[in-house]
Protein backbone atom coordinates (compact mmCIF):
# COMPACT_ATOMS: atom_id res chain seq x y z
CA MET A 1 114.48 128.09 61.58
CA ILE A 2 115.39 126.91 65.10
CA THR A 3 112.13 124.98 65.35
CA ASP A 4 112.90 123.28 62.02
CA ILE A 5 116.27 122.14 63.38
CA VAL A 6 114.82 120.97 66.72
CA LEU A 7 112.05 119.10 64.90
CA GLY A 8 114.62 117.55 62.56
CA VAL A 9 116.79 116.35 65.46
CA ALA A 10 113.76 114.91 67.27
CA VAL A 11 112.63 113.10 64.14
CA LEU A 12 116.14 111.77 63.55
CA ALA A 13 116.31 110.42 67.12
CA LEU A 14 112.92 108.72 66.67
CA LEU A 15 113.96 107.19 63.34
CA ILE A 16 117.23 105.87 64.71
CA TYR A 17 115.46 104.37 67.74
CA ARG A 18 112.85 102.71 65.51
CA GLN A 19 115.57 101.33 63.23
CA LEU A 20 117.39 99.61 66.09
CA VAL A 21 114.31 97.80 67.41
CA ALA A 22 113.02 94.61 65.77
CA ARG A 23 109.81 95.49 63.93
CA PRO A 24 107.48 93.62 61.60
CA VAL A 25 107.75 94.65 57.97
CA ASN A 26 104.23 95.67 57.02
CA ALA A 27 102.18 98.58 55.72
CA SER A 28 101.36 99.91 59.20
CA ASN A 29 104.95 101.13 59.43
CA LEU A 30 104.17 103.55 56.63
CA ARG A 31 102.17 105.87 58.91
CA ILE A 32 105.28 107.63 60.18
CA LEU A 33 106.44 108.04 56.60
CA ALA A 34 103.16 109.70 55.63
CA ILE A 35 103.23 112.00 58.67
CA LEU A 36 106.83 113.05 57.99
CA GLY A 37 106.03 113.57 54.32
CA VAL A 38 103.13 115.91 55.09
CA ILE A 39 105.13 117.90 57.68
CA GLY A 40 108.10 118.07 55.32
CA VAL A 41 106.03 119.27 52.37
CA VAL A 42 104.35 121.95 54.52
CA GLN A 43 107.69 123.22 55.89
CA THR A 44 109.26 123.21 52.43
CA ALA A 45 106.29 125.00 50.86
CA GLN A 46 106.40 127.67 53.59
CA PHE A 47 110.11 128.25 52.98
CA LEU A 48 109.71 128.39 49.21
CA GLY A 49 106.73 130.75 49.51
CA GLN A 50 108.48 133.14 51.89
CA ASN A 51 111.78 133.29 50.01
CA HIS A 52 110.59 133.95 46.45
CA SER A 53 112.47 130.89 45.30
CA GLY A 54 113.57 130.50 41.72
CA ALA A 55 114.70 127.69 39.46
CA LEU A 56 118.08 127.44 41.18
CA THR A 57 116.43 126.83 44.56
CA TYR A 58 114.26 124.08 43.10
CA GLY A 59 117.35 122.55 41.50
CA LEU A 60 119.19 122.62 44.82
CA LEU A 61 116.20 121.02 46.51
CA ALA A 62 116.09 118.28 43.86
CA GLY A 63 119.80 117.59 44.38
CA SER A 64 119.25 117.29 48.12
CA LEU A 65 116.37 114.86 47.64
CA VAL A 66 118.49 112.71 45.33
CA LEU A 67 121.06 112.60 48.14
CA ALA A 68 118.27 111.52 50.52
CA ALA A 69 117.29 108.68 48.19
CA ALA A 70 120.91 107.52 47.89
CA PHE A 71 121.28 107.33 51.67
CA GLY A 72 118.00 105.42 51.92
CA VAL A 73 119.29 102.84 49.46
CA LEU A 74 122.59 102.54 51.36
CA ARG A 75 120.85 102.11 54.71
CA ALA A 76 118.47 99.48 53.36
CA ALA A 77 121.48 97.25 52.69
CA THR A 78 122.42 97.38 56.40
CA VAL A 79 119.02 96.23 57.67
CA ARG A 80 118.72 92.60 58.72
CA ILE A 81 115.51 90.89 57.59
CA TRP A 82 114.24 87.52 58.77
CA ILE A 83 111.03 85.51 58.90
CA ALA A 84 109.50 84.55 62.26
CA GLY A 85 106.06 83.02 62.58
CA GLY A 86 105.32 83.62 58.91
CA GLN A 87 105.97 87.38 59.30
CA ALA A 88 108.95 89.32 57.96
CA TRP A 89 110.85 91.30 60.61
CA SER A 90 113.61 93.87 60.27
CA ARG A 91 116.17 95.56 62.46
CA GLY A 92 119.01 97.91 61.68
CA ASN A 93 122.37 97.96 63.40
CA TRP A 94 125.05 100.44 64.43
CA LEU A 95 125.93 101.04 60.76
CA THR A 96 122.29 101.88 60.00
CA ALA A 97 122.33 104.46 62.81
CA CYS A 98 125.64 105.91 61.62
CA LEU A 99 124.26 106.24 58.09
CA TRP A 100 121.25 108.17 59.44
CA VAL A 101 123.59 110.64 61.13
CA ALA A 102 125.77 110.81 58.01
CA ALA A 103 122.68 111.44 55.87
CA VAL A 104 121.65 114.46 57.94
CA ALA A 105 125.23 115.72 58.03
CA ALA A 106 125.39 115.38 54.24
CA HIS A 107 122.09 117.25 53.87
CA LEU A 108 123.22 120.13 56.06
CA GLY A 109 126.70 120.07 54.50
CA TYR A 110 125.16 120.22 51.03
CA ASP A 111 123.10 123.17 52.21
CA ALA A 112 126.15 124.93 53.64
CA LEU A 113 128.35 124.35 50.59
CA VAL A 114 125.89 124.74 47.74
CA ALA A 115 122.72 126.52 48.80
CA HIS A 116 124.31 129.20 51.00
CA GLY A 117 126.67 130.07 48.18
CA HIS A 118 123.69 130.82 45.97
CA GLY A 119 121.68 132.91 48.43
CA ASP A 120 119.30 130.18 49.56
CA ARG A 121 120.14 130.42 53.27
CA GLY A 122 117.92 128.21 55.40
CA LEU A 123 116.95 125.77 52.67
CA GLY A 124 118.60 122.84 54.48
CA SER A 125 116.94 123.41 57.84
CA ALA A 126 113.56 124.11 56.20
CA THR A 127 113.69 120.87 54.20
CA VAL A 128 115.25 118.49 56.74
CA VAL A 129 111.98 116.70 57.58
CA LEU A 130 111.14 116.25 53.89
CA TYR A 131 114.69 114.97 53.37
CA LEU A 132 114.22 112.44 56.19
CA ALA A 133 110.85 111.34 54.77
CA ILE A 134 112.30 110.78 51.28
CA SER A 135 115.28 108.91 52.69
CA LEU A 136 113.08 106.72 54.90
CA GLY A 137 110.72 106.10 51.98
CA PHE A 138 113.46 104.74 49.74
CA GLN A 139 114.78 102.59 52.57
CA ARG A 140 111.29 101.22 53.30
CA ILE A 141 110.62 100.34 49.68
CA ILE A 142 113.84 98.33 49.42
CA VAL A 143 113.38 96.64 52.81
CA GLN A 144 109.82 95.66 51.87
CA GLN A 145 111.01 94.23 48.54
CA ARG A 146 113.72 92.22 50.29
CA ALA A 147 111.22 90.96 52.87
CA ARG A 148 108.76 89.95 50.16
CA ARG A 149 111.46 87.85 48.45
CA LEU A 150 112.18 86.01 51.72
CA GLN A 151 108.58 84.98 52.35
CA PRO A 152 107.30 81.73 50.87
CA GLY A 153 105.60 82.53 47.59
CA GLY A 154 107.15 86.01 47.56
CA THR A 155 108.10 87.76 44.38
CA PRO A 156 111.45 86.69 42.89
CA ALA A 157 114.44 88.98 42.98
CA PHE A 158 114.99 91.19 39.96
CA GLY A 159 116.47 89.16 37.09
CA GLN A 160 115.46 85.77 38.53
CA ALA A 161 112.97 83.48 36.88
CA GLY A 162 109.58 83.21 38.54
CA ARG A 163 108.69 80.21 40.69
CA PRO A 164 106.55 77.50 39.12
CA SER A 165 102.92 77.50 40.20
């Protein structure tokens, strides 16, 4: 459990750092997402396997992951995107960093308020890396969509007519 928390804090620090540095928006940035996803799934599977988890635990986990997605969507709105040299770039700001911290606090708070009350102690710390991966994934999808709309010939925003060919 301590290693899960230390790993979660280290991953959070890395994510915040990467968010505050200007980076090109491209598929190569998805590597960290894949790595976090695999680590998160392994940690979560180990927890679920060791704790004889039932339907309630899976429901609590689903609720937590919905929370992760919501924070990813919120953070995506704080990321600045621009085009330089024909390439889309992105960079978060202080609000992006604060929302990362708030997301982890919400995850652990959700765990303390909901999961501990139902006998699922440790669910939050065991799933923190998966939570971060899901949250980052939703943020990345939205940032990539926004970047695509900014580029010449990019796809139109939802609800807008397509560009003539």
